[in-house]
Amino acid sequence: MKKKAHKTHRQVSNGVYLNNRLVPKSKALISVFDHGFLYGDGVYETLRAYRGVVFKIDEHIERLFRSASMIGLKIPKTHDGIKKAIYKTMTANKQKDAYIRISISRGEGPLGLDPSLCPKPTLVIMSNPLKGYPKHYYQKGMKIAVVRTRRNFRNSLNPKIKSLNFLNNILAKIEAKNRGAFEAVMLNHKGYLAEGTISNIFFVKNGILHTPGIDVGILDGITRRIILKCAKELKIRTRQGKFRRENLFSAQEVFISNTTLEVLPVSHVDNRAISKPGRITKQLHSAYKEHVKDYIKGYVSHARTC
């Protein structure tokens, strides 16, 4: 009688990393009693991979741990463990250029707001193919709208926390969409420019690059920091501070930024036209791209020597 062939473990494709293992997308399920679902109790990060290298992975993971610490949430893996899980997920999904999202919730527990009700956090890592945005977005720019929905007051919810609770941003996005805009820009409680639903905002006036300061209650975006560094290297004068919506209307150039958008020009603020993507916007977009290339080269070189 022939022995049965030993069944080898099949690699999960189109998989999601759930807690300590990869599972097929169809089986990536969490409980309805998970406090991330019930109360938005948790934190997240979004990352972008270029040619198989996750850009600024250490900075994103550090920020994830910072967010978790600020809400008293213990991440069930080390920094290096999260990094390995990200690359494991991308490899299983056979992805090189990818959009990655890490979500960590308080976990499953009985009804109630007390965090101690949840003994074990839920960790989810998803990676999806990312081809980038259409070229005409960058050639012609996109419309943004300054909306009525205000950014959360920083003494109520610290913007340093990348929270799973996104209702503030969703309400702003609904407003922008109803006005035919790609992105919403929110003001803070005092009426100063803050940030978009998923982006930081910049504008150029009289050759000076302006962006809202951290003290108005915004997330200190990783892409934002890189852009300011690029501006310094290009000897472009910068100013971080408190600005009104009228400053956007009189600007010569406006753009928004985040991990996936990079540097995206703005063609209209509300119904006011801005000039086509200007010199400084183009310079910074090119400089950002070079920064990404240098990072990838450095990562590959380091990997080869290890």
Protein backbone atom coordinates (compact mmCIF):
# COMPACT_ATOMS: atom_id res chain seq x y z
CA MET A 1 0.00 0.00 0.00
CA LYS A 2 1.40 3.36 -1.04
CA LYS A 3 2.08 5.91 1.64
CA LYS A 4 0.18 9.14 1.37
CA ALA A 5 2.30 12.02 0.16
CA HIS A 6 3.09 14.50 2.89
CA LYS A 7 1.13 17.71 2.38
CA THR A 8 3.38 20.75 2.26
CA HIS A 9 2.20 24.07 3.62
CA ARG A 10 0.92 26.22 0.78
CA GLN A 11 2.04 29.80 0.81
CA VAL A 12 -0.80 32.24 1.38
CA SER A 13 -1.32 34.57 -1.57
CA ASN A 14 -3.51 37.66 -1.40
CA GLY A 15 -2.95 37.36 2.32
CA VAL A 16 -3.45 39.52 5.38
CA TYR A 17 -1.20 39.35 8.43
CA LEU A 18 -3.53 38.82 11.38
CA ASN A 19 -1.91 38.68 14.80
CA ASN A 20 0.89 36.12 14.35
CA ARG A 21 0.14 34.57 10.98
CA LEU A 22 -0.76 35.18 7.37
CA VAL A 23 -4.29 34.22 6.43
CA PRO A 24 -6.20 34.45 3.12
CA LYS A 25 -8.09 37.69 2.69
CA SER A 26 -11.41 35.81 2.91
CA LYS A 27 -10.46 34.49 6.35
CA ALA A 28 -9.03 37.69 7.79
CA LEU A 29 -11.82 38.12 10.33
CA ILE A 30 -12.01 39.87 13.70
CA SER A 31 -14.68 39.72 16.37
CA VAL A 32 -17.64 42.12 16.50
CA PHE A 33 -16.55 42.60 20.12
CA ASP A 34 -13.19 44.01 19.07
CA HIS A 35 -12.90 47.48 20.61
CA GLY A 36 -11.38 48.82 17.40
CA PHE A 37 -14.71 48.08 15.72
CA LEU A 38 -16.87 49.11 18.66
CA TYR A 39 -15.11 52.32 19.70
CA GLY A 40 -12.32 53.10 17.22
CA ASP A 41 -9.90 52.26 20.04
CA GLY A 42 -6.55 51.72 18.36
CA VAL A 43 -3.81 53.18 16.19
CA TYR A 44 -2.54 52.77 12.64
CA GLU A 45 0.19 53.66 10.16
CA THR A 46 0.29 53.75 6.37
CA LEU A 47 3.47 53.09 4.42
CA ARG A 48 4.58 52.90 0.82
CA ALA A 49 6.97 50.43 -0.79
CA TYR A 50 9.03 51.21 -3.88
CA ARG A 51 10.68 48.34 -5.78
CA GLY A 52 10.34 46.07 -2.78
CA VAL A 53 11.72 48.56 -0.25
CA VAL A 54 9.38 50.07 2.34
CA PHE A 55 10.17 53.78 2.46
CA LYS A 56 11.07 55.21 5.88
CA ILE A 57 9.90 52.02 7.56
CA ASP A 58 11.74 52.74 10.82
CA GLU A 59 10.24 56.21 11.16
CA HIS A 60 6.73 54.87 10.56
CA ILE A 61 7.14 52.06 13.07
CA GLU A 62 8.58 54.46 15.65
CA ARG A 63 5.53 56.70 15.19
CA LEU A 64 3.25 53.67 15.53
CA PHE A 65 4.83 52.84 18.89
CA ARG A 66 4.54 56.49 19.94
CA SER A 67 0.82 56.56 19.10
CA ALA A 68 0.24 53.29 20.95
CA SER A 69 2.15 54.51 24.01
CA MET A 70 0.05 57.68 24.14
CA ILE A 71 -3.17 55.66 24.47
CA GLY A 72 -1.71 53.06 26.82
CA LEU A 73 -1.76 50.29 24.20
CA LYS A 74 0.99 47.67 24.25
CA ILE A 75 2.01 46.53 20.77
CA PRO A 76 2.31 42.72 20.73
CA LYS A 77 5.56 42.74 18.72
CA THR A 78 8.92 44.44 18.80
CA HIS A 79 9.97 47.10 16.29
CA ASP A 80 11.92 44.45 14.36
CA GLY A 81 9.01 42.02 14.61
CA ILE A 82 6.66 44.52 12.95
CA LYS A 83 9.21 45.15 10.21
CA LYS A 84 9.58 41.42 9.48
CA ALA A 85 5.80 40.98 9.42
CA ILE A 86 5.45 43.81 6.86
CA TYR A 87 7.98 42.27 4.49
CA LYS A 88 6.50 38.80 5.05
CA THR A 89 3.10 40.12 3.99
CA MET A 90 4.48 41.83 0.88
CA THR A 91 6.44 38.71 -0.09
CA ALA A 92 3.38 36.49 0.30
CA ASN A 93 1.40 38.87 -1.90
CA LYS A 94 4.26 39.09 -4.45
CA GLN A 95 4.29 42.88 -4.27
CA LYS A 96 7.10 45.33 -4.97
CA ASP A 97 5.23 48.63 -5.23
CA ALA A 98 2.68 48.55 -2.46
CA TYR A 99 0.46 50.47 -0.10
CA ILE A 100 0.73 49.04 3.40
CA ARG A 101 -1.52 49.63 6.37
CA ILE A 102 -0.79 48.53 9.93
CA SER A 103 -3.76 48.59 12.33
CA ILE A 104 -3.55 47.74 16.02
CA SER A 105 -6.74 47.76 18.07
CA ARG A 106 -7.30 47.32 21.78
CA GLY A 107 -8.60 43.85 20.95
CA GLU A 108 -11.62 41.76 21.82
CA GLY A 109 -13.48 42.30 25.07
CA PRO A 110 -16.92 42.78 26.62
CA LEU A 111 -18.88 45.98 26.04
CA GLY A 112 -17.47 48.96 27.92
CA LEU A 113 -14.83 51.64 27.46
CA ASP A 114 -12.39 50.36 30.08
CA PRO A 115 -9.19 49.30 28.21
CA SER A 116 -8.50 46.61 30.81
CA LEU A 117 -11.50 44.68 29.44
CA CYS A 118 -9.32 43.69 26.46
CA PRO A 119 -6.48 41.33 27.43
CA LYS A 120 -4.92 41.03 23.96
CA PRO A 121 -4.55 43.60 21.14
CA THR A 122 -5.44 42.78 17.53
CA LEU A 123 -2.69 43.34 14.95
CA VAL A 124 -3.52 43.57 11.23
CA ILE A 125 -1.12 44.26 8.36
CA MET A 126 -2.49 44.64 4.84
CA SER A 127 -0.55 45.28 1.64
CA ASN A 128 -2.11 46.21 -1.66
CA PRO A 129 -0.55 46.93 -5.06
CA LEU A 130 0.08 50.61 -5.71
CA LYS A 131 0.62 51.87 -9.23
CA GLY A 132 0.65 55.51 -8.23
CA TYR A 133 -1.73 58.27 -9.19
CA PRO A 134 -2.43 59.32 -12.82
CA LYS A 135 0.17 61.66 -14.36
CA HIS A 136 -2.42 64.33 -15.11
CA TYR A 137 -2.96 64.81 -11.35
CA TYR A 138 0.60 66.11 -11.18
CA GLN A 139 0.52 67.93 -14.51
CA LYS A 140 -2.74 69.83 -13.94
CA GLY A 141 -3.28 69.68 -10.18
CA MET A 142 -6.36 68.81 -8.15
CA LYS A 143 -9.12 70.79 -6.49
CA ILE A 144 -9.25 71.13 -2.70
CA ALA A 145 -11.93 72.67 -0.50
CA VAL A 146 -11.62 74.46 2.82
CA VAL A 147 -14.47 72.84 4.75
CA ARG A 148 -16.65 73.80 7.72
CA THR A 149 -15.69 70.72 9.74
CA ARG A 150 -12.95 71.76 12.17
CA ARG A 151 -9.91 69.69 13.06
CA ASN A 152 -10.16 67.99 16.43
CA PHE A 153 -9.03 70.26 19.27
CA ARG A 154 -5.56 69.02 20.19
CA ASN A 155 -6.34 69.09 23.92
CA SER A 156 -9.24 66.73 23.23
CA LEU A 157 -7.41 64.36 20.89
CA ASN A 158 -3.68 64.87 20.43
CA PRO A 159 -2.83 64.95 16.69
CA LYS A 160 0.34 62.96 17.45
CA ILE A 161 -1.95 59.95 17.92
CA LYS A 162 -2.80 58.28 14.59
CA SER A 163 -6.12 56.96 15.84
CA LEU A 164 -8.42 54.42 14.24
CA ASN A 165 -11.27 56.84 14.97
CA PHE A 166 -11.46 58.80 11.70
CA LEU A 167 -14.94 60.30 11.94
CA ASN A 168 -13.65 63.88 12.03
CA ASN A 169 -11.79 63.30 8.76
CA ILE A 170 -14.68 61.41 7.19
CA LEU A 171 -17.11 64.29 7.82
CA ALA A 172 -14.62 66.67 6.20
CA LYS A 173 -14.19 64.30 3.25
CA ILE A 174 -17.96 64.15 2.72
CA GLU A 175 -18.05 67.96 2.53
CA ALA A 176 -15.19 68.06 0.03
CA LYS A 177 -16.75 65.37 -2.12
CA ASN A 178 -20.08 67.20 -2.20
CA ARG A 179 -18.19 70.23 -3.52
CA GLY A 180 -16.37 68.25 -6.20
CA ALA A 181 -12.99 68.45 -4.46
CA PHE A 182 -10.27 65.80 -4.23
CA GLU A 183 -9.29 66.71 -0.66
CA ALA A 184 -10.66 68.70 2.25
CA VAL A 185 -8.59 71.18 4.21
CA MET A 186 -9.67 71.70 7.82
CA LEU A 187 -9.17 74.72 10.05
CA ASN A 188 -8.40 74.40 13.73
CA HIS A 189 -10.75 75.64 16.47
CA LYS A 190 -9.33 79.19 16.12
CA GLY A 191 -9.79 79.32 12.35
CA TYR A 192 -6.18 78.73 11.35
CA LEU A 193 -5.25 76.38 8.50
CA ALA A 194 -4.53 72.91 9.89
CA GLU A 195 -4.36 69.95 7.50
CA GLY A 196 -6.26 67.77 5.08
CA THR A 197 -8.12 64.56 5.85
CA ILE A 198 -5.06 62.54 4.78
CA SER A 199 -2.51 65.20 3.94
CA ASN A 200 -0.42 68.17 4.99
CA ILE A 201 -0.79 71.42 3.07
CA PHE A 202 1.81 73.84 1.67
CA PHE A 203 1.59 77.08 -0.26
CA VAL A 204 4.08 79.39 -1.94
CA LYS A 205 3.88 83.16 -1.80
CA ASN A 206 6.59 85.58 -2.91
CA GLY A 207 9.04 82.70 -3.30
CA ILE A 208 8.59 81.51 0.31
CA LEU A 209 7.26 78.04 1.15
CA HIS A 210 4.62 78.19 3.90
CA THR A 211 3.03 75.38 5.90
CA PRO A 212 0.99 75.30 9.13
CA GLY A 213 3.13 74.84 12.23
CA ILE A 214 2.83 71.85 14.53
CA ASP A 215 1.36 74.06 17.26
CA VAL A 216 -1.88 74.63 15.32
CA GLY A 217 -2.77 70.99 16.01
CA ILE A 218 -1.57 68.89 13.08
CA LEU A 219 0.21 65.59 12.60
CA ASP A 220 3.94 66.03 12.09
CA GLY A 221 3.89 64.11 8.81
CA ILE A 222 6.96 62.14 7.76
CA THR A 223 6.55 63.35 4.17
CA ARG A 224 6.12 66.90 5.49
CA ARG A 225 9.48 66.67 7.23
CA ILE A 226 11.19 65.40 4.08
CA ILE A 227 9.74 68.26 2.02
CA LEU A 228 11.02 70.84 4.51
CA LYS A 229 14.43 69.16 4.41
CA CYS A 230 14.41 69.23 0.59
CA ALA A 231 13.47 72.93 0.66
CA LYS A 232 16.42 73.65 2.93
CA GLU A 233 18.79 71.79 0.61
CA LEU A 234 17.40 73.76 -2.37
CA LYS A 235 17.82 77.00 -0.40
CA ILE A 236 14.08 77.70 -0.59
CA ARG A 237 12.98 79.94 2.26
CA THR A 238 10.35 78.36 4.50
CA ARG A 239 7.92 79.59 7.10
CA GLN A 240 5.92 77.47 9.54
CA GLY A 241 3.19 79.29 11.42
CA LYS A 242 -0.45 80.27 11.71
CA PHE A 243 -2.26 81.07 8.48
CA ARG A 244 -5.84 81.84 7.42
CA ARG A 245 -7.73 80.40 4.49
CA GLU A 246 -7.26 83.72 2.68
CA ASN A 247 -3.54 82.98 2.50
CA LEU A 248 -4.32 80.07 0.19
CA PHE A 249 -6.46 82.24 -2.07
CA SER A 250 -3.60 84.69 -2.68
CA ALA A 251 -0.87 82.04 -3.05
CA GLN A 252 1.06 81.52 -6.29
CA GLU A 253 1.39 77.78 -5.69
CA VAL A 254 -0.38 75.26 -3.46
CA PHE A 255 0.25 71.55 -2.95
CA ILE A 256 -0.61 68.75 -0.55
CA SER A 257 1.54 65.85 0.59
CA ASN A 258 1.49 62.43 2.23
CA THR A 259 3.17 59.04 1.94
CA THR A 260 1.26 57.91 -1.14
CA LEU A 261 0.58 61.27 -2.83
CA GLU A 262 4.16 62.50 -2.39
CA VAL A 263 3.87 66.13 -3.65
CA LEU A 264 0.51 66.74 -5.37
CA PRO A 265 -0.17 70.17 -6.94
CA VAL A 266 -3.44 72.00 -6.31
CA SER A 267 -5.24 73.67 -9.21
CA HIS A 268 -8.18 75.18 -7.30
CA VAL A 269 -8.87 76.15 -3.70
CA ASP A 270 -12.65 76.14 -3.41
CA ASN A 271 -13.58 77.78 -6.72
CA ARG A 272 -10.51 80.00 -6.97
CA ALA A 273 -7.97 78.97 -9.59
CA ILE A 274 -4.31 78.63 -8.68
CA SER A 275 -1.64 78.83 -11.36
CA LYS A 276 -0.52 75.54 -12.90
CA PRO A 277 2.06 73.55 -10.91
CA GLY A 278 4.75 76.14 -10.28
CA ARG A 279 8.52 76.12 -10.18
CA ILE A 280 8.91 75.45 -6.45
CA THR A 281 6.28 72.69 -6.43
CA LYS A 282 8.06 70.98 -9.33
CA GLN A 283 11.46 71.39 -7.68
CA LEU A 284 10.24 69.85 -4.46
CA HIS A 285 8.51 66.98 -6.24
CA SER A 286 11.71 66.15 -8.10
CA ALA A 287 13.79 66.50 -4.93
CA TYR A 288 11.39 64.20 -3.07
CA LYS A 289 11.70 61.58 -5.82
CA GLU A 290 15.50 61.79 -5.57
CA HIS A 291 15.26 61.37 -1.81
CA VAL A 292 13.25 58.16 -2.35
CA LYS A 293 15.81 56.87 -4.88
CA ASP A 294 18.70 57.57 -2.51
CA TYR A 295 16.87 55.79 0.32
CA ILE A 296 16.28 52.70 -1.84
CA LYS A 297 19.91 52.63 -2.99
CA GLY A 298 21.11 52.95 0.59
CA TYR A 299 18.78 50.19 1.77
CA VAL A 300 19.87 47.80 -1.01
CA SER A 301 23.57 48.54 -0.43
CA HIS A 302 23.18 47.93 3.30
CA ALA A 303 21.31 44.66 2.68
CA ARG A 304 24.09 43.41 0.43
CA THR A 305 26.78 44.05 3.02
CA CYS A 306 24.87 42.39 5.87
